[in-house]
Amino acid sequence: MKLQFTKYFIIVLLFSTFTAYAQKSEVSLDKKIGQMILVGFRGLTADDSSQIIRDIKKYHIGSIILFDYDVELKSPVRNIQSPKQVKLLVEKLQGSTETPLFITIDQEGGKVNRFKEKYGFPPTVSAQYLGKVGNFDTTAKYALKIAKSLKSAGVNLDFAPCVDVNSNPENPVIGKIERSFSADPMIVSKHAEVFLNAFKRHKVFGTLKHFPGHGSSKADSHLGFVDVSDTWKYDELIPYAELIRKKKCDFIMTAHIFNSKLDDKLPATLSKKILTGILRDSLNFKGVIFSDDMQMKAIADHYGLETAVENAINAGVDIITFANNVTFDPDIVPKVTNIIKRLVDEGKIPVSRIDESYNRIMAVKKKLDKK
């Protein structure tokens, strides 16, 4: 009898210990939501009184984007002044959290170039230039320069290469500013693969953009609604299909374009048909999906913040982007955090969707020290 009681006591004790450990190790909803937010901020430096440090510590944000120019203020002072300054800034940001941050930037080369020569960074060339040269060794040379400069400054994720197909050379946001490698999707794929390989060599993540293809547009989604229904072609999916098949990409960024061929109601960033139906299910993408900047007018002028956030997450977006540059809102992170929590409480966003995104994000973050 005494022996049976002792066994029972040990079982209860072990179960209680396991339960307590499980509860202790359980990640809170707040932390999961924080990992799903990317935000921009103002400042060449940061300290404990900075808005960005507050967002990291209190709201657990997982990703930050750096800019060299403040659009709203029309000021050349934002986050980038020199390689040494950026490195110190990033070290402060990373030192404010136990969970590594994705420190991101738009560094494609050419006109989309935040690390400029005038700040002490190496010169770059455009994707169009590299496509016209048509030499993969040349592409690798410039891609490696970008990757090395990012790694040295502490930036671990680049929103490049751009794999939009140059089907409309007069496109104001792609072709006109030389962001596409080629009008041939296979050439785009090959140059993009060279970039991704160069990034991997220097332990920097690359990001394919803008899914499902922005190359045929006649307008700029930064400025308003963009419809590519009559110009978009299925060939624009080829670079994504090729690079996903080869397991070359961990990240893909959405486009805010409307394409009735794929979804006759919602733009790509908010479309479950496009992000889950095509990108996840048809193309078998297992990595992390970033939205493009949710403050761009293609979204901001047509959808309320809550509607946009709800649709984007339910569509399959893992990290929602608030560049905080076209429009600056120091409280965008608490606003978005509270919106997501309320939508979860109301059952409008399933907890399972939050868990899916959190698990994808953390799976890639585990590679940060292993790449």
Protein backbone atom coordinates (compact mmCIF):
# COMPACT_ATOMS: atom_id res chain seq x y z
CA MET A 1 0.00 0.00 0.00
CA LYS A 2 2.80 2.37 0.96
CA LEU A 3 4.71 1.46 -2.20
CA GLN A 4 1.67 2.18 -4.39
CA PHE A 5 1.18 5.55 -2.72
CA THR A 6 4.85 6.44 -3.31
CA LYS A 7 4.56 5.56 -7.01
CA TYR A 8 1.38 7.63 -7.28
CA PHE A 9 3.09 10.58 -5.57
CA ILE A 10 6.08 10.41 -7.93
CA ILE A 11 3.81 10.33 -11.00
CA VAL A 12 1.84 13.33 -9.76
CA LEU A 13 5.06 15.21 -9.00
CA LEU A 14 6.52 14.50 -12.44
CA PHE A 15 3.28 15.52 -14.15
CA SER A 16 3.13 18.75 -12.16
CA THR A 17 6.76 19.55 -12.98
CA PHE A 18 6.21 18.89 -16.69
CA THR A 19 3.04 21.00 -16.72
CA ALA A 20 4.80 23.88 -14.98
CA TYR A 21 7.71 23.66 -17.44
CA ALA A 22 5.35 23.56 -20.42
CA GLN A 23 3.49 26.60 -19.16
CA LYS A 24 6.73 28.44 -18.51
CA SER A 25 8.09 27.62 -21.98
CA GLU A 26 4.84 28.48 -23.76
CA VAL A 27 5.34 31.51 -26.01
CA SER A 28 2.80 34.25 -25.37
CA LEU A 29 0.44 35.54 -28.03
CA ASP A 30 2.03 38.98 -27.65
CA LYS A 31 5.46 37.60 -28.56
CA LYS A 32 4.10 35.68 -31.54
CA ILE A 33 2.35 38.77 -32.86
CA GLY A 34 5.48 40.87 -32.36
CA GLN A 35 7.47 38.53 -34.57
CA MET A 36 4.92 39.17 -37.32
CA ILE A 37 5.60 42.92 -37.47
CA LEU A 38 8.28 44.76 -39.45
CA VAL A 39 8.63 48.48 -38.71
CA GLY A 40 10.74 51.45 -39.73
CA PHE A 41 11.83 54.26 -37.41
CA ARG A 42 13.66 57.58 -37.28
CA GLY A 43 17.13 57.90 -35.86
CA LEU A 44 20.81 57.44 -36.59
CA THR A 45 21.21 56.14 -33.04
CA ALA A 46 18.93 54.49 -30.50
CA ASP A 47 18.80 54.40 -26.70
CA ASP A 48 16.38 53.13 -24.08
CA SER A 49 14.14 56.17 -24.53
CA SER A 50 13.78 55.58 -28.31
CA GLN A 51 10.47 54.54 -29.81
CA ILE A 52 12.15 51.66 -31.63
CA ILE A 53 13.69 50.24 -28.43
CA ARG A 54 10.25 50.48 -26.80
CA ASP A 55 8.76 48.56 -29.70
CA ILE A 56 11.41 45.85 -29.42
CA LYS A 57 11.20 45.43 -25.65
CA LYS A 58 7.49 46.00 -24.98
CA TYR A 59 5.92 44.71 -28.17
CA HIS A 60 8.53 42.08 -29.12
CA ILE A 61 8.76 43.16 -32.78
CA GLY A 62 10.88 40.81 -34.81
CA SER A 63 11.95 42.82 -37.85
CA ILE A 64 13.23 46.34 -38.56
CA ILE A 65 13.84 48.18 -41.84
CA LEU A 66 16.50 50.84 -42.43
CA PHE A 67 16.28 53.79 -44.82
CA ASP A 68 18.66 56.55 -45.87
CA TYR A 69 15.90 59.05 -46.72
CA ASP A 70 12.84 60.22 -44.79
CA VAL A 71 10.04 60.55 -47.35
CA GLU A 72 7.54 62.36 -45.14
CA LEU A 73 10.09 64.91 -43.92
CA LYS A 74 11.83 65.06 -47.30
CA SER A 75 15.05 64.75 -45.36
CA PRO A 76 18.28 62.86 -46.18
CA VAL A 77 18.63 62.02 -42.48
CA ARG A 78 16.97 58.78 -41.43
CA ASN A 79 19.00 55.71 -40.34
CA ILE A 80 22.13 55.67 -42.51
CA GLN A 81 25.17 57.92 -42.27
CA SER A 82 28.21 55.63 -42.53
CA PRO A 83 29.12 51.92 -42.30
CA LYS A 84 30.40 52.35 -38.73
CA GLN A 85 27.30 54.27 -37.61
CA VAL A 86 24.96 51.63 -39.07
CA LYS A 87 26.90 48.83 -37.40
CA LEU A 88 26.67 50.54 -33.99
CA LEU A 89 22.95 51.20 -34.48
CA VAL A 90 22.27 47.59 -35.40
CA GLU A 91 24.29 46.33 -32.43
CA LYS A 92 22.14 48.46 -30.12
CA LEU A 93 18.95 47.14 -31.70
CA GLN A 94 20.06 43.51 -31.53
CA GLY A 95 21.26 43.99 -27.97
CA SER A 96 17.76 45.00 -26.90
CA THR A 97 16.25 41.54 -27.38
CA GLU A 98 17.03 37.88 -26.75
CA THR A 99 15.34 36.88 -30.02
CA PRO A 100 17.45 37.89 -33.03
CA LEU A 101 15.97 40.61 -35.20
CA PHE A 102 15.69 40.56 -38.96
CA ILE A 103 17.49 43.81 -39.83
CA THR A 104 16.23 44.55 -43.32
CA ILE A 105 16.90 46.99 -46.14
CA ASP A 106 16.07 47.63 -49.80
CA GLN A 107 19.49 47.25 -51.38
CA GLU A 108 18.90 46.11 -54.95
CA GLY A 109 21.61 48.22 -56.56
CA GLY A 110 21.26 51.07 -59.03
CA LYS A 111 18.49 53.49 -58.10
CA VAL A 112 17.10 51.34 -55.27
CA ASN A 113 20.18 51.69 -53.15
CA ARG A 114 20.10 52.70 -49.46
CA PHE A 115 23.81 52.07 -48.83
CA LYS A 116 25.11 54.75 -51.19
CA GLU A 117 28.68 55.62 -52.13
CA LYS A 118 28.32 59.04 -50.48
CA TYR A 119 27.90 57.24 -47.14
CA GLY A 120 31.07 55.23 -47.67
CA PHE A 121 29.59 52.06 -49.17
CA PRO A 122 30.76 50.38 -52.40
CA PRO A 123 29.23 51.41 -55.75
CA THR A 124 26.39 49.34 -57.21
CA VAL A 125 24.75 48.87 -60.59
CA SER A 126 21.14 48.19 -61.54
CA ALA A 127 19.56 44.81 -62.27
CA GLN A 128 18.87 46.03 -65.82
CA TYR A 129 22.57 46.78 -66.33
CA LEU A 130 23.51 43.28 -65.17
CA GLY A 131 20.87 41.69 -67.37
CA LYS A 132 22.15 43.56 -70.42
CA VAL A 133 25.77 42.63 -69.71
CA GLY A 134 24.56 39.04 -69.50
CA ASN A 135 27.61 37.72 -67.67
CA PHE A 136 26.89 35.80 -64.47
CA ASP A 137 30.41 36.40 -63.16
CA THR A 138 29.75 40.13 -63.36
CA THR A 139 26.43 39.68 -61.59
CA ALA A 140 28.15 37.63 -58.89
CA LYS A 141 30.82 40.31 -58.42
CA TYR A 142 28.30 43.04 -57.71
CA ALA A 143 26.03 40.76 -55.67
CA LEU A 144 28.95 39.76 -53.48
CA LYS A 145 29.85 43.43 -52.92
CA ILE A 146 26.31 44.15 -51.77
CA ALA A 147 26.22 41.07 -49.55
CA LYS A 148 29.58 41.88 -47.95
CA SER A 149 28.58 45.49 -47.21
CA LEU A 150 25.32 44.32 -45.64
CA LYS A 151 26.99 41.69 -43.50
CA SER A 152 29.66 44.14 -42.31
CA ALA A 153 26.97 46.60 -41.21
CA GLY A 154 24.92 43.94 -39.42
CA VAL A 155 22.06 43.80 -41.94
CA ASN A 156 20.95 40.19 -42.30
CA LEU A 157 18.03 40.43 -44.75
CA ASP A 158 17.88 42.24 -48.08
CA PHE A 159 14.65 42.92 -49.95
CA ALA A 160 16.35 41.84 -53.16
CA PRO A 161 16.61 40.50 -55.79
CA CYS A 162 13.66 41.96 -57.64
CA VAL A 163 12.34 39.22 -59.94
CA ASP A 164 9.69 41.28 -61.70
CA VAL A 165 9.79 40.57 -65.43
CA ASN A 166 10.42 43.68 -67.54
CA SER A 167 7.35 43.26 -69.73
CA ASN A 168 6.64 47.01 -69.67
CA PRO A 169 9.86 49.05 -69.95
CA GLU A 170 7.82 52.23 -69.27
CA ASN A 171 6.60 50.88 -65.92
CA PRO A 172 7.31 53.82 -63.55
CA VAL A 173 8.22 51.69 -60.55
CA ILE A 174 10.07 48.76 -62.21
CA GLY A 175 11.24 49.06 -65.84
CA LYS A 176 11.66 52.83 -65.90
CA ILE A 177 14.06 52.73 -62.95
CA GLU A 178 15.96 49.64 -64.13
CA ARG A 179 14.91 47.22 -61.39
CA SER A 180 14.32 44.20 -63.63
CA PHE A 181 17.03 41.94 -65.02
CA SER A 182 15.16 41.12 -68.23
CA ALA A 183 11.93 40.69 -70.15
CA ASP A 184 12.79 36.97 -70.26
CA PRO A 185 11.65 35.25 -67.04
CA MET A 186 14.33 32.56 -67.26
CA ILE A 187 17.08 35.18 -67.48
CA VAL A 188 15.51 36.91 -64.47
CA SER A 189 15.59 33.56 -62.61
CA LYS A 190 19.25 32.92 -63.38
CA HIS A 191 20.51 36.34 -62.31
CA ALA A 192 18.35 36.22 -59.18
CA GLU A 193 19.83 32.84 -58.30
CA VAL A 194 23.33 34.31 -58.55
CA PHE A 195 22.27 37.05 -56.10
CA LEU A 196 20.78 34.53 -53.66
CA ASN A 197 23.94 32.40 -53.79
CA ALA A 198 26.11 35.46 -53.11
CA PHE A 199 23.92 36.48 -50.18
CA LYS A 200 24.07 33.00 -48.71
CA ARG A 201 27.86 33.04 -48.91
CA HIS A 202 27.92 36.10 -46.65
CA LYS A 203 25.11 34.85 -44.38
CA VAL A 204 22.55 37.37 -45.60
CA PHE A 205 19.01 36.40 -46.58
CA GLY A 206 17.57 37.51 -49.91
CA THR A 207 13.91 38.16 -50.72
CA LEU A 208 12.15 37.67 -54.03
CA LYS A 209 9.70 40.41 -54.95
CA HIS A 210 7.02 41.47 -55.91
CA PHE A 211 4.72 38.43 -56.03
CA PRO A 212 2.89 37.59 -58.29
CA GLY A 213 4.56 40.12 -60.60
CA HIS A 214 4.68 43.92 -60.83
CA GLY A 215 6.61 44.19 -64.10
CA SER A 216 3.67 44.86 -66.41
CA SER A 217 2.06 47.64 -64.37
CA LYS A 218 1.49 51.11 -65.79
CA ALA A 219 1.30 52.78 -62.38
CA ASP A 220 3.12 52.89 -59.02
CA SER A 221 1.44 51.14 -56.08
CA HIS A 222 3.18 53.58 -53.72
CA LEU A 223 0.86 56.23 -55.14
CA GLY A 224 -2.45 54.45 -55.60
CA PHE A 225 -4.50 51.54 -56.92
CA VAL A 226 -2.73 49.48 -59.60
CA ASP A 227 -4.58 47.05 -61.88
CA VAL A 228 -2.50 44.66 -64.01
CA SER A 229 -5.39 42.44 -65.09
CA ASP A 230 -4.97 43.28 -68.79
CA THR A 231 -1.16 43.27 -68.87
CA TRP A 232 -0.01 40.52 -66.48
CA LYS A 233 1.05 37.13 -67.90
CA TYR A 234 1.52 33.75 -66.25
CA ASP A 235 5.17 33.83 -67.34
CA GLU A 236 5.72 36.29 -64.48
CA LEU A 237 5.41 33.38 -62.05
CA ILE A 238 8.34 31.52 -63.64
CA PRO A 239 11.15 33.10 -61.56
CA TYR A 240 9.29 32.19 -58.37
CA ALA A 241 8.52 28.67 -59.55
CA GLU A 242 12.14 28.05 -60.58
CA LEU A 243 13.74 29.39 -57.42
CA ILE A 244 11.23 27.69 -55.11
CA ARG A 245 11.81 24.41 -56.96
CA LYS A 246 15.54 24.79 -56.43
CA LYS A 247 14.97 25.65 -52.73
CA LYS A 248 16.86 28.90 -53.14
CA CYS A 249 14.60 31.33 -51.29
CA ASP A 250 13.45 31.68 -47.69
CA PHE A 251 11.50 34.92 -48.23
CA ILE A 252 9.06 36.33 -50.75
CA MET A 253 7.47 39.80 -50.69
CA THR A 254 3.99 40.50 -52.02
CA ALA A 255 2.84 43.11 -54.52
CA HIS A 256 -0.09 45.42 -53.83
CA ILE A 257 -1.28 44.99 -57.41
CA PHE A 258 -4.83 43.99 -58.33
CA ASN A 259 -5.05 41.14 -60.83
CA SER A 260 -8.53 39.91 -61.69
CA LYS A 261 -7.03 36.92 -63.52
CA LEU A 262 -6.01 35.60 -60.11
CA ASP A 263 -8.50 37.25 -57.73
CA ASP A 264 -11.38 39.43 -58.91
CA LYS A 265 -11.93 41.05 -55.50
CA LEU A 266 -8.67 41.72 -53.64
CA PRO A 267 -5.09 42.86 -54.40
CA ALA A 268 -2.38 40.24 -54.03
CA THR A 269 -1.24 41.24 -50.54
CA LEU A 270 -4.77 40.68 -49.21
CA SER A 271 -5.67 37.70 -51.37
CA LYS A 272 -5.86 34.17 -49.96
CA LYS A 273 -6.40 32.89 -53.52
CA ILE A 274 -3.04 34.32 -54.55
CA LEU A 275 -0.85 33.88 -51.46
CA THR A 276 -2.20 30.59 -50.15
CA GLY A 277 -3.78 29.15 -53.29
CA ILE A 278 -0.96 29.93 -55.72
CA LEU A 279 2.20 30.67 -53.72
CA ARG A 280 1.74 28.11 -50.95
CA ASP A 281 -0.36 25.36 -52.54
CA SER A 282 0.54 25.48 -56.25
CA LEU A 283 4.16 26.65 -56.08
CA ASN A 284 4.81 24.88 -52.76
CA PHE A 285 6.55 27.79 -51.04
CA LYS A 286 7.36 26.87 -47.42
CA GLY A 287 9.20 30.02 -46.38
CA VAL A 288 8.18 33.40 -44.96
CA ILE A 289 5.90 35.82 -46.80
CA PHE A 290 6.45 39.54 -46.24
CA SER A 291 3.82 42.05 -47.25
CA ASP A 292 5.00 45.10 -49.11
CA ASP A 293 4.62 48.31 -47.11
CA MET A 294 1.06 48.46 -45.79
CA GLN A 295 1.26 52.26 -45.67
CA MET A 296 1.59 52.51 -49.45
CA LYS A 297 -1.45 54.19 -50.98
CA ALA A 298 -2.56 51.15 -52.97
CA ILE A 299 -3.56 49.68 -49.62
CA ALA A 300 -3.84 52.65 -47.24
CA ASP A 301 -6.19 54.68 -49.45
CA HIS A 302 -8.59 51.82 -50.17
CA TYR A 303 -8.72 49.69 -47.01
CA GLY A 304 -8.88 50.62 -43.34
CA LEU A 305 -5.93 49.51 -41.23
CA GLU A 306 -7.93 46.82 -39.44
CA THR A 307 -9.40 45.41 -42.66
CA ALA A 308 -6.01 45.38 -44.35
CA VAL A 309 -4.31 43.64 -41.41
CA GLU A 310 -7.09 41.05 -41.09
CA ASN A 311 -7.11 40.23 -44.80
CA ALA A 312 -3.31 40.12 -45.12
CA ILE A 313 -2.82 37.69 -42.26
CA ASN A 314 -5.72 35.47 -43.30
CA ALA A 315 -4.41 35.54 -46.87
CA GLY A 316 -1.12 34.04 -45.68
CA VAL A 317 1.21 36.97 -44.95
CA ASP A 318 3.65 36.07 -42.16
CA ILE A 319 5.26 39.47 -41.57
CA ILE A 320 3.29 42.67 -42.17
CA THR A 321 5.43 45.64 -43.13
CA PHE A 322 5.04 49.19 -41.85
CA ALA A 323 7.98 51.09 -43.29
CA ASN A 324 6.85 54.21 -41.42
CA ASN A 325 8.37 56.39 -44.10
CA VAL A 326 5.73 57.56 -46.58
CA THR A 327 3.69 58.23 -43.45
CA PHE A 328 5.32 58.25 -40.02
CA ASP A 329 3.35 57.01 -37.01
CA PRO A 330 5.38 56.48 -33.82
CA ASP A 331 2.55 54.36 -32.41
CA ILE A 332 1.97 52.11 -35.41
CA VAL A 333 3.32 49.06 -33.56
CA PRO A 334 0.97 49.25 -30.53
CA LYS A 335 -1.92 50.06 -32.88
CA VAL A 336 -1.29 47.03 -35.07
CA THR A 337 -0.57 44.77 -32.09
CA ASN A 338 -3.87 45.69 -30.45
CA ILE A 339 -5.75 45.22 -33.72
CA ILE A 340 -4.35 41.72 -34.21
CA LYS A 341 -5.07 40.74 -30.59
CA ARG A 342 -8.64 41.95 -30.90
CA LEU A 343 -9.15 40.14 -34.20
CA VAL A 344 -7.87 36.94 -32.58
CA ASP A 345 -10.16 37.43 -29.57
CA GLU A 346 -13.12 37.95 -31.91
CA GLY A 347 -12.25 34.83 -33.89
CA LYS A 348 -11.66 36.79 -37.09
CA ILE A 349 -8.03 35.61 -37.23
CA PRO A 350 -7.57 32.00 -36.04
CA VAL A 351 -4.86 31.41 -33.44
CA SER A 352 -3.62 28.69 -35.79
CA ARG A 353 -2.73 31.35 -38.39
CA ILE A 354 -0.63 33.21 -35.83
CA ASP A 355 1.09 29.97 -34.86
CA GLU A 356 1.80 29.07 -38.48
CA SER A 357 3.51 32.39 -39.15
CA TYR A 358 5.40 32.39 -35.86
CA ASN A 359 6.73 28.88 -36.52
CA ARG A 360 7.83 29.78 -40.05
CA ILE A 361 9.60 32.93 -38.82
CA MET A 362 11.39 31.16 -35.98
CA ALA A 363 12.42 28.27 -38.23
CA VAL A 364 14.27 30.75 -40.46
CA LYS A 365 15.68 32.71 -37.52
CA LYS A 366 17.32 29.49 -36.33
CA LYS A 367 19.41 29.68 -39.50
CA LEU A 368 20.83 33.11 -38.62
CA ASP A 369 23.77 31.60 -36.77
CA LYS A 370 24.06 28.56 -39.01
CA LYS A 371 24.14 30.05 -42.51
